[in-house]
Amino acid sequence: MTAPHVTVEYCTQCNWLLRAGWVAQELLQTFGTELGGITLRPGTGGVFVVAVDGTTVWDRKADGGFPDIVELKRRVRDTGLPGRPLGHADRART
């Protein structure tokens, strides 16, 4: 199985590079070498979209704001690494 690749598209007009970098850092800290990589993709127009292998797991406009990092990790896991435990993040859901 190929390791999933995450893309974080962020708005340069809104200066969201730091937020995108933080999201990438959090995902790498959690998933490490289980990911095939993370790409930060500059965009415009208020975009903040996180995708796993081309499948959108978070869209700021559709989901109503920025993701809670625990929820984002769950969505990344569910899409790219199903069955992988997240420890405390899974327990917080119940």
PDB file of N, CA and C in Angstrom:
ATOM      1  N   MET A   1       0.837  -1.185   0.000  1.00  0.00           N
ATOM      2  CA  MET A   1       0.000   0.000   0.000  1.00  0.00           C
ATOM      3  C   MET A   1       0.882   1.248   0.000  1.00  0.00           C
ATOM      4  N   THR A   2       0.533   2.208  -0.826  1.00  0.00           N
ATOM      5  CA  THR A   2       1.275   3.455  -0.911  1.00  0.00           C
ATOM      6  C   THR A   2       0.877   4.376   0.240  1.00  0.00           C
ATOM      7  N   ALA A   3       1.853   5.041   0.822  1.00  0.00           N
ATOM      8  CA  ALA A   3       1.575   5.977   1.911  1.00  0.00           C
ATOM      9  C   ALA A   3       0.774   7.157   1.374  1.00  0.00           C
ATOM     10  N   PRO A   4      -0.255   7.589   2.101  1.00  0.00           N
ATOM     11  CA  PRO A   4      -1.087   8.703   1.629  1.00  0.00           C
ATOM     12  C   PRO A   4      -0.329  10.026   1.632  1.00  0.00           C
ATOM     13  N   HIS A   5      -0.702  10.884   0.690  1.00  0.00           N
ATOM     14  CA  HIS A   5      -0.099  12.214   0.571  1.00  0.00           C
ATOM     15  C   HIS A   5      -1.145  13.267   0.931  1.00  0.00           C
ATOM     16  N   VAL A   6      -0.769  14.192   1.782  1.00  0.00           N
ATOM     17  CA  VAL A   6      -1.670  15.254   2.233  1.00  0.00           C
ATOM     18  C   VAL A   6      -1.291  16.557   1.533  1.00  0.00           C
ATOM     19  N   THR A   7      -2.300  17.295   1.107  1.00  0.00           N
ATOM     20  CA  THR A   7      -2.096  18.625   0.535  1.00  0.00           C
ATOM     21  C   THR A   7      -2.880  19.626   1.375  1.00  0.00           C
ATOM     22  N   VAL A   8      -2.218  20.709   1.754  1.00  0.00           N
ATOM     23  CA  VAL A   8      -2.873  21.798   2.473  1.00  0.00           C
ATOM     24  C   VAL A   8      -2.807  23.024   1.572  1.00  0.00           C
ATOM     25  N   GLU A   9      -3.954  23.417   1.029  1.00  0.00           N
ATOM     26  CA  GLU A   9      -4.027  24.616   0.203  1.00  0.00           C
ATOM     27  C   GLU A   9      -4.508  25.767   1.088  1.00  0.00           C
ATOM     28  N   TYR A  10      -3.774  26.862   1.051  1.00  0.00           N
ATOM     29  CA  TYR A  10      -4.054  27.987   1.950  1.00  0.00           C
ATOM     30  C   TYR A  10      -4.052  29.295   1.173  1.00  0.00           C
ATOM     31  N   CYS A  11      -4.735  30.286   1.701  1.00  0.00           N
ATOM     32  CA  CYS A  11      -4.849  31.592   1.054  1.00  0.00           C
ATOM     33  C   CYS A  11      -3.647  32.480   1.406  1.00  0.00           C
ATOM     34  N   THR A  12      -2.932  32.902   0.375  1.00  0.00           N
ATOM     35  CA  THR A  12      -1.801  33.812   0.597  1.00  0.00           C
ATOM     36  C   THR A  12      -2.288  35.232   0.878  1.00  0.00           C
ATOM     37  N   GLN A  13      -3.436  35.615   0.324  1.00  0.00           N
ATOM     38  CA  GLN A  13      -3.990  36.942   0.561  1.00  0.00           C
ATOM     39  C   GLN A  13      -4.399  37.120   2.026  1.00  0.00           C
ATOM     40  N   CYS A  14      -4.770  36.016   2.665  1.00  0.00           N
ATOM     41  CA  CYS A  14      -5.218  36.028   4.060  1.00  0.00           C
ATOM     42  C   CYS A  14      -4.066  35.775   5.036  1.00  0.00           C
ATOM     43  N   ASN A  15      -2.869  35.539   4.494  1.00  0.00           N
ATOM     44  CA  ASN A  15      -1.682  35.258   5.316  1.00  0.00           C
ATOM     45  C   ASN A  15      -1.850  34.018   6.191  1.00  0.00           C
ATOM     46  N   TRP A  16      -2.342  32.930   5.592  1.00  0.00           N
ATOM     47  CA  TRP A  16      -2.585  31.703   6.348  1.00  0.00           C
ATOM     48  C   TRP A  16      -1.455  30.682   6.226  1.00  0.00           C
ATOM     49  N   LEU A  17      -0.275  31.120   5.770  1.00  0.00           N
ATOM     50  CA  LEU A  17       0.856  30.203   5.661  1.00  0.00           C
ATOM     51  C   LEU A  17       1.229  29.612   7.015  1.00  0.00           C
ATOM     52  N   LEU A  18       1.265  30.421   8.064  1.00  0.00           N
ATOM     53  CA  LEU A  18       1.632  29.905   9.384  1.00  0.00           C
ATOM     54  C   LEU A  18       0.638  28.850   9.866  1.00  0.00           C
ATOM     55  N   ARG A  19      -0.642  29.076   9.625  1.00  0.00           N
ATOM     56  CA  ARG A  19      -1.667  28.105  10.015  1.00  0.00           C
ATOM     57  C   ARG A  19      -1.484  26.809   9.221  1.00  0.00           C
ATOM     58  N   ALA A  20      -1.236  26.931   7.922  1.00  0.00           N
ATOM     59  CA  ALA A  20      -1.025  25.746   7.080  1.00  0.00           C
ATOM     60  C   ALA A  20       0.216  24.984   7.534  1.00  0.00           C
ATOM     61  N   GLY A  21       1.271  25.710   7.871  1.00  0.00           N
ATOM     62  CA  GLY A  21       2.497  25.076   8.351  1.00  0.00           C
ATOM     63  C   GLY A  21       2.276  24.357   9.671  1.00  0.00           C
ATOM     64  N   TRP A  22       1.488  24.960  10.545  1.00  0.00           N
ATOM     65  CA  TRP A  22       1.184  24.334  11.839  1.00  0.00           C
ATOM     66  C   TRP A  22       0.390  23.046  11.639  1.00  0.00           C
ATOM     67  N   VAL A  23      -0.594  23.091  10.732  1.00  0.00           N
ATOM     68  CA  VAL A  23      -1.382  21.889  10.434  1.00  0.00           C
ATOM     69  C   VAL A  23      -0.467  20.793   9.907  1.00  0.00           C
ATOM     70  N   ALA A  24       0.425  21.142   8.991  1.00  0.00           N
ATOM     71  CA  ALA A  24       1.372  20.157   8.448  1.00  0.00           C
ATOM     72  C   ALA A  24       2.247  19.578   9.558  1.00  0.00           C
ATOM     73  N   GLN A  25       2.731  20.439  10.440  1.00  0.00           N
ATOM     74  CA  GLN A  25       3.567  19.995  11.556  1.00  0.00           C
ATOM     75  C   GLN A  25       2.807  19.027  12.459  1.00  0.00           C
ATOM     76  N   GLU A  26       1.575  19.331  12.793  1.00  0.00           N
ATOM     77  CA  GLU A  26       0.760  18.471  13.646  1.00  0.00           C
ATOM     78  C   GLU A  26       0.520  17.104  12.997  1.00  0.00           C
ATOM     79  N   LEU A  27       0.234  17.112  11.695  1.00  0.00           N
ATOM     80  CA  LEU A  27      -0.004  15.852  11.002  1.00  0.00           C
ATOM     81  C   LEU A  27       1.273  15.012  10.922  1.00  0.00           C
ATOM     82  N   LEU A  28       2.397  15.659  10.662  1.00  0.00           N
ATOM     83  CA  LEU A  28       3.665  14.928  10.622  1.00  0.00           C
ATOM     84  C   LEU A  28       4.049  14.400  11.995  1.00  0.00           C
ATOM     85  N   GLN A  29       3.780  15.172  13.033  1.00  0.00           N
ATOM     86  CA  GLN A  29       4.083  14.725  14.393  1.00  0.00           C
ATOM     87  C   GLN A  29       3.262  13.488  14.749  1.00  0.00           C
ATOM     88  N   THR A  30       2.018  13.461  14.312  1.00  0.00           N
ATOM     89  CA  THR A  30       1.124  12.345  14.629  1.00  0.00           C
ATOM     90  C   THR A  30       1.388  11.126  13.745  1.00  0.00           C
ATOM     91  N   PHE A  31       1.517  11.331  12.432  1.00  0.00           N
ATOM     92  CA  PHE A  31       1.581  10.211  11.504  1.00  0.00           C
ATOM     93  C   PHE A  31       2.992   9.877  11.020  1.00  0.00           C
ATOM     94  N   GLY A  32       3.908  10.831  11.115  1.00  0.00           N
ATOM     95  CA  GLY A  32       5.303  10.588  10.754  1.00  0.00           C
ATOM     96  C   GLY A  32       5.481   9.930   9.400  1.00  0.00           C
ATOM     97  N   THR A  33       6.229   8.834   9.382  1.00  0.00           N
ATOM     98  CA  THR A  33       6.570   8.167   8.132  1.00  0.00           C
ATOM     99  C   THR A  33       5.411   7.376   7.536  1.00  0.00           C
ATOM    100  N   GLU A  34       4.274   7.344   8.219  1.00  0.00           N
ATOM    101  CA  GLU A  34       3.094   6.696   7.647  1.00  0.00           C
ATOM    102  C   GLU A  34       2.521   7.521   6.496  1.00  0.00           C
ATOM    103  N   LEU A  35       2.885   8.807   6.454  1.00  0.00           N
ATOM    104  CA  LEU A  35       2.458   9.669   5.359  1.00  0.00           C
ATOM    105  C   LEU A  35       3.524   9.660   4.277  1.00  0.00           C
ATOM    106  N   GLY A  36       3.085   9.785   3.042  1.00  0.00           N
ATOM    107  CA  GLY A  36       4.016   9.866   1.927  1.00  0.00           C
ATOM    108  C   GLY A  36       4.569  11.267   1.746  1.00  0.00           C
ATOM    109  N   GLY A  37       3.999  12.221   2.454  1.00  0.00           N
ATOM    110  CA  GLY A  37       4.455  13.603   2.384  1.00  0.00           C
ATOM    111  C   GLY A  37       3.301  14.558   2.568  1.00  0.00           C
ATOM    112  N   ILE A  38       3.667  15.821   2.757  1.00  0.00           N
ATOM    113  CA  ILE A  38       2.673  16.891   2.869  1.00  0.00           C
ATOM    114  C   ILE A  38       3.120  18.024   1.969  1.00  0.00           C
ATOM    115  N   THR A  39       2.205  18.515   1.161  1.00  0.00           N
ATOM    116  CA  THR A  39       2.476  19.635   0.272  1.00  0.00           C
ATOM    117  C   THR A  39       1.689  20.840   0.748  1.00  0.00           C
ATOM    118  N   LEU A  40       2.352  21.980   0.864  1.00  0.00           N
ATOM    119  CA  LEU A  40       1.670  23.245   1.122  1.00  0.00           C
ATOM    120  C   LEU A  40       1.489  23.924  -0.228  1.00  0.00           C
ATOM    121  N   ARG A  41       0.236  24.202  -0.587  1.00  0.00           N
ATOM    122  CA  ARG A  41      -0.066  24.777  -1.888  1.00  0.00           C
ATOM    123  C   ARG A  41      -0.686  26.160  -1.706  1.00  0.00           C
ATOM    124  N   PRO A  42       0.007  27.221  -2.146  1.00  0.00           N
ATOM    125  CA  PRO A  42      -0.554  28.563  -2.026  1.00  0.00           C
ATOM    126  C   PRO A  42      -1.754  28.750  -2.954  1.00  0.00           C
ATOM    127  N   GLY A  43      -2.746  29.460  -2.436  1.00  0.00           N
ATOM    128  CA  GLY A  43      -3.937  29.778  -3.214  1.00  0.00           C
ATOM    129  C   GLY A  43      -4.416  31.178  -2.862  1.00  0.00           C
ATOM    130  N   THR A  44      -5.594  31.522  -3.330  1.00  0.00           N
ATOM    131  CA  THR A  44      -6.181  32.834  -3.060  1.00  0.00           C
ATOM    132  C   THR A  44      -7.673  32.665  -2.793  1.00  0.00           C
ATOM    133  N   GLY A  45      -8.311  33.765  -2.443  1.00  0.00           N
ATOM    134  CA  GLY A  45      -9.767  33.762  -2.296  1.00  0.00           C
ATOM    135  C   GLY A  45     -10.286  33.127  -1.025  1.00  0.00           C
ATOM    136  N   GLY A  46      -9.479  33.109   0.021  1.00  0.00           N
ATOM    137  CA  GLY A  46      -9.943  32.574   1.296  1.00  0.00           C
ATOM    138  C   GLY A  46      -9.921  31.062   1.384  1.00  0.00           C
ATOM    139  N   VAL A  47      -9.156  30.405   0.508  1.00  0.00           N
ATOM    140  CA  VAL A  47      -9.127  28.955   0.490  1.00  0.00           C
ATOM    141  C   VAL A  47      -8.304  28.401   1.654  1.00  0.00           C
ATOM    142  N   PHE A  48      -8.828  27.357   2.270  1.00  0.00           N
ATOM    143  CA  PHE A  48      -8.076  26.544   3.232  1.00  0.00           C
ATOM    144  C   PHE A  48      -8.668  25.146   3.140  1.00  0.00           C
ATOM    145  N   VAL A  49      -7.998  24.306   2.350  1.00  0.00           N
ATOM    146  CA  VAL A  49      -8.497  22.964   2.051  1.00  0.00           C
ATOM    147  C   VAL A  49      -7.408  21.954   2.364  1.00  0.00           C
ATOM    148  N   VAL A  50      -7.781  20.911   3.086  1.00  0.00           N
ATOM    149  CA  VAL A  50      -6.873  19.808   3.377  1.00  0.00           C
ATOM    150  C   VAL A  50      -7.406  18.588   2.634  1.00  0.00           C
ATOM    151  N   ALA A  51      -6.522  17.951   1.871  1.00  0.00           N
ATOM    152  CA  ALA A  51      -6.916  16.781   1.087  1.00  0.00           C
ATOM    153  C   ALA A  51      -5.924  15.649   1.313  1.00  0.00           C
ATOM    154  N   VAL A  52      -6.432  14.422   1.240  1.00  0.00           N
ATOM    155  CA  VAL A  52      -5.611  13.217   1.327  1.00  0.00           C
ATOM    156  C   VAL A  52      -5.758  12.490   0.001  1.00  0.00           C
ATOM    157  N   ASP A  53      -4.660  12.373  -0.722  1.00  0.00           N
ATOM    158  CA  ASP A  53      -4.672  11.717  -2.034  1.00  0.00           C
ATOM    159  C   ASP A  53      -5.784  12.268  -2.930  1.00  0.00           C
ATOM    160  N   GLY A  54      -5.987  13.578  -2.888  1.00  0.00           N
ATOM    161  CA  GLY A  54      -6.975  14.226  -3.737  1.00  0.00           C
ATOM    162  C   GLY A  54      -8.387  14.267  -3.194  1.00  0.00           C
ATOM    163  N   THR A  55      -8.637  13.595  -2.087  1.00  0.00           N
ATOM    164  CA  THR A  55      -9.963  13.598  -1.461  1.00  0.00           C
ATOM    165  C   THR A  55      -9.993  14.667  -0.376  1.00  0.00           C
ATOM    166  N   THR A  56     -10.872  15.626  -0.503  1.00  0.00           N
ATOM    167  CA  THR A  56     -10.967  16.704   0.480  1.00  0.00           C
ATOM    168  C   THR A  56     -11.472  16.158   1.812  1.00  0.00           C
ATOM    169  N   VAL A  57     -10.713  16.449   2.866  1.00  0.00           N
ATOM    170  CA  VAL A  57     -11.138  16.045   4.211  1.00  0.00           C
ATOM    171  C   VAL A  57     -11.540  17.262   5.042  1.00  0.00           C
ATOM    172  N   TRP A  58     -11.122  18.464   4.618  1.00  0.00           N
ATOM    173  CA  TRP A  58     -11.557  19.684   5.288  1.00  0.00           C
ATOM    174  C   TRP A  58     -11.544  20.827   4.284  1.00  0.00           C
ATOM    175  N   ASP A  59     -12.632  21.575   4.231  1.00  0.00           N
ATOM    176  CA  ASP A  59     -12.739  22.770   3.398  1.00  0.00           C
ATOM    177  C   ASP A  59     -13.312  23.874   4.283  1.00  0.00           C
ATOM    178  N   ARG A  60     -12.530  24.899   4.488  1.00  0.00           N
ATOM    179  CA  ARG A  60     -12.935  25.983   5.394  1.00  0.00           C
ATOM    180  C   ARG A  60     -14.303  26.546   5.027  1.00  0.00           C
ATOM    181  N   LYS A  61     -14.566  26.707   3.758  1.00  0.00           N
ATOM    182  CA  LYS A  61     -15.849  27.281   3.335  1.00  0.00           C
ATOM    183  C   LYS A  61     -16.999  26.308   3.571  1.00  0.00           C
ATOM    184  N   ALA A  62     -16.824  25.064   3.207  1.00  0.00           N
ATOM    185  CA  ALA A  62     -17.895  24.055   3.352  1.00  0.00           C
ATOM    186  C   ALA A  62     -18.090  23.628   4.804  1.00  0.00           C
ATOM    187  N   ASP A  63     -16.977  23.543   5.564  1.00  0.00           N
ATOM    188  CA  ASP A  63     -17.048  23.051   6.939  1.00  0.00           C
ATOM    189  C   ASP A  63     -17.219  24.156   7.974  1.00  0.00           C
ATOM    190  N   GLY A  64     -17.235  25.404   7.525  1.00  0.00           N
ATOM    191  CA  GLY A  64     -17.531  26.507   8.425  1.00  0.00           C
ATOM    192  C   GLY A  64     -16.385  26.931   9.322  1.00  0.00           C
ATOM    193  N   GLY A  65     -15.223  27.141   8.770  1.00  0.00           N
ATOM    194  CA  GLY A  65     -14.106  27.643   9.556  1.00  0.00           C
ATOM    195  C   GLY A  65     -12.907  26.721   9.499  1.00  0.00           C
ATOM    196  N   PHE A  66     -12.015  26.941  10.426  1.00  0.00           N
ATOM    197  CA  PHE A  66     -10.801  26.138  10.479  1.00  0.00           C
ATOM    198  C   PHE A  66     -11.020  24.891  11.324  1.00  0.00           C
ATOM    199  N   PRO A  67     -10.276  23.835  11.009  1.00  0.00           N
ATOM    200  CA  PRO A  67     -10.506  22.569  11.709  1.00  0.00           C
ATOM    201  C   PRO A  67      -9.936  22.548  13.117  1.00  0.00           C
ATOM    202  N   ASP A  68     -10.646  21.876  13.995  1.00  0.00           N
ATOM    203  CA  ASP A  68     -10.081  21.467  15.266  1.00  0.00           C
ATOM    204  C   ASP A  68      -9.055  20.402  14.905  1.00  0.00           C
ATOM    205  N   ILE A  69      -7.847  20.507  15.426  1.00  0.00           N
ATOM    206  CA  ILE A  69      -6.772  19.626  14.978  1.00  0.00           C
ATOM    207  C   ILE A  69      -7.068  18.153  15.256  1.00  0.00           C
ATOM    208  N   VAL A  70      -7.742  17.850  16.358  1.00  0.00           N
ATOM    209  CA  VAL A  70      -8.076  16.451  16.659  1.00  0.00           C
ATOM    210  C   VAL A  70      -9.050  15.912  15.614  1.00  0.00           C
ATOM    211  N   GLU A  71     -10.048  16.703  15.258  1.00  0.00           N
ATOM    212  CA  GLU A  71     -11.004  16.282  14.234  1.00  0.00           C
ATOM    213  C   GLU A  71     -10.307  16.119  12.885  1.00  0.00           C
ATOM    214  N   LEU A  72      -9.404  17.030  12.557  1.00  0.00           N
ATOM    215  CA  LEU A  72      -8.677  16.917  11.299  1.00  0.00           C
ATOM    216  C   LEU A  72      -7.831  15.647  11.259  1.00  0.00           C
ATOM    217  N   LYS A  73      -7.169  15.326  12.352  1.00  0.00           N
ATOM    218  CA  LYS A  73      -6.371  14.094  12.411  1.00  0.00           C
ATOM    219  C   LYS A  73      -7.262  12.872  12.209  1.00  0.00           C
ATOM    220  N   ARG A  74      -8.446  12.890  12.788  1.00  0.00           N
ATOM    221  CA  ARG A  74      -9.383  11.771  12.593  1.00  0.00           C
ATOM    222  C   ARG A  74      -9.751  11.623  11.120  1.00  0.00           C
ATOM    223  N   ARG A  75     -10.045  12.756  10.481  1.00  0.00           N
ATOM    224  CA  ARG A  75     -10.448  12.712   9.071  1.00  0.00           C
ATOM    225  C   ARG A  75      -9.304  12.248   8.171  1.00  0.00           C
ATOM    226  N   VAL A  76      -8.104  12.710   8.457  1.00  0.00           N
ATOM    227  CA  VAL A  76      -6.936  12.264   7.691  1.00  0.00           C
ATOM    228  C   VAL A  76      -6.742  10.771   7.891  1.00  0.00           C
ATOM    229  N   ARG A  77      -6.822  10.330   9.130  1.00  0.00           N
ATOM    230  CA  ARG A  77      -6.679   8.905   9.432  1.00  0.00           C
ATOM    231  C   ARG A  77      -7.759   8.084   8.738  1.00  0.00           C
ATOM    232  N   ASP A  78      -9.013   8.511   8.859  1.00  0.00           N
ATOM    233  CA  ASP A  78     -10.130   7.760   8.289  1.00  0.00           C
ATOM    234  C   ASP A  78     -10.024   7.644   6.768  1.00  0.00           C
ATOM    235  N   THR A  79      -9.470   8.659   6.128  1.00  0.00           N
ATOM    236  CA  THR A  79      -9.349   8.666   4.669  1.00  0.00           C
ATOM    237  C   THR A  79      -8.098   7.940   4.189  1.00  0.00           C
ATOM    238  N   GLY A  80      -6.962   8.210   4.826  1.00  0.00           N
ATOM    239  CA  GLY A  80      -5.705   7.685   4.324  1.00  0.00           C
ATOM    240  C   GLY A  80      -5.123   6.504   5.061  1.00  0.00           C
ATOM    241  N   LEU A  81      -5.482   6.350   6.330  1.00  0.00           N
ATOM    242  CA  LEU A  81      -4.907   5.287   7.163  1.00  0.00           C
ATOM    243  C   LEU A  81      -5.985   4.629   8.018  1.00  0.00           C
ATOM    244  N   PRO A  82      -7.044   4.113   7.385  1.00  0.00           N
ATOM    245  CA  PRO A  82      -8.151   3.553   8.170  1.00  0.00           C
ATOM    246  C   PRO A  82      -7.678   2.439   9.093  1.00  0.00           C
ATOM    247  N   GLY A  83      -8.254   2.439  10.276  1.00  0.00           N
ATOM    248  CA  GLY A  83      -7.903   1.421  11.257  1.00  0.00           C
ATOM    249  C   GLY A  83      -6.751   1.796  12.163  1.00  0.00           C
ATOM    250  N   ARG A  84      -6.011   2.861  11.826  1.00  0.00           N
ATOM    251  CA  ARG A  84      -4.894   3.267  12.665  1.00  0.00           C
ATOM    252  C   ARG A  84      -5.439   3.947  13.919  1.00  0.00           C
ATOM    253  N   PRO A  85      -5.030   3.496  15.099  1.00  0.00           N
ATOM    254  CA  PRO A  85      -5.507   4.138  16.326  1.00  0.00           C
ATOM    255  C   PRO A  85      -4.873   5.514  16.520  1.00  0.00           C
ATOM    256  N   LEU A  86      -5.636   6.418  17.120  1.00  0.00           N
ATOM    257  CA  LEU A  86      -5.132   7.751  17.437  1.00  0.00           C
ATOM    258  C   LEU A  86      -5.004   7.973  18.939  1.00  0.00           C
ATOM    259  N   GLY A  87      -5.122   6.928  19.711  1.00  0.00           N
ATOM    260  CA  GLY A  87      -4.940   7.051  21.156  1.00  0.00           C
ATOM    261  C   GLY A  87      -5.954   7.975  21.779  1.00  0.00           C
ATOM    262  N   HIS A  88      -5.462   9.022  22.445  1.00  0.00           N
ATOM    263  CA  HIS A  88      -6.333   9.941  23.180  1.00  0.00           C
ATOM    264  C   HIS A  88      -7.349  10.625  22.281  1.00  0.00           C
ATOM    265  N   ALA A  89      -7.028  10.840  21.027  1.00  0.00           N
ATOM    266  CA  ALA A  89      -7.959  11.496  20.112  1.00  0.00           C
ATOM    267  C   ALA A  89      -9.182  10.626  19.856  1.00  0.00           C
ATOM    268  N   ASP A  90      -9.019   9.321  19.821  1.00  0.00           N
ATOM    269  CA  ASP A  90     -10.155   8.418  19.674  1.00  0.00           C
ATOM    270  C   ASP A  90     -11.000   8.401  20.940  1.00  0.00           C
ATOM    271  N   ARG A  91     -10.363   8.426  22.089  1.00  0.00           N
ATOM    272  CA  ARG A  91     -11.103   8.416  23.353  1.00  0.00           C
ATOM    273  C   ARG A  91     -11.894   9.706  23.550  1.00  0.00           C
ATOM    274  N   ALA A  92     -11.388  10.831  23.071  1.00  0.00           N
ATOM    275  CA  ALA A  92     -12.068  12.115  23.232  1.00  0.00           C
ATOM    276  C   ALA A  92     -13.374  12.165  22.461  1.00  0.00           C
ATOM    277  N   ARG A  93     -13.531  11.329  21.481  1.00  0.00           N
ATOM    278  CA  ARG A  93     -14.717  11.328  20.626  1.00  0.00           C
ATOM    279  C   ARG A  93     -15.953  10.816  21.351  1.00  0.00           C
ATOM    280  N   THR A  94     -15.773   9.880  22.265  1.00  0.00           N
ATOM    281  CA  THR A  94     -16.929   9.278  22.944  1.00  0.00           C
ATOM    282  C   THR A  94     -17.475  10.125  24.049  1.00  0.00           C
TER     283      THR A  94
END
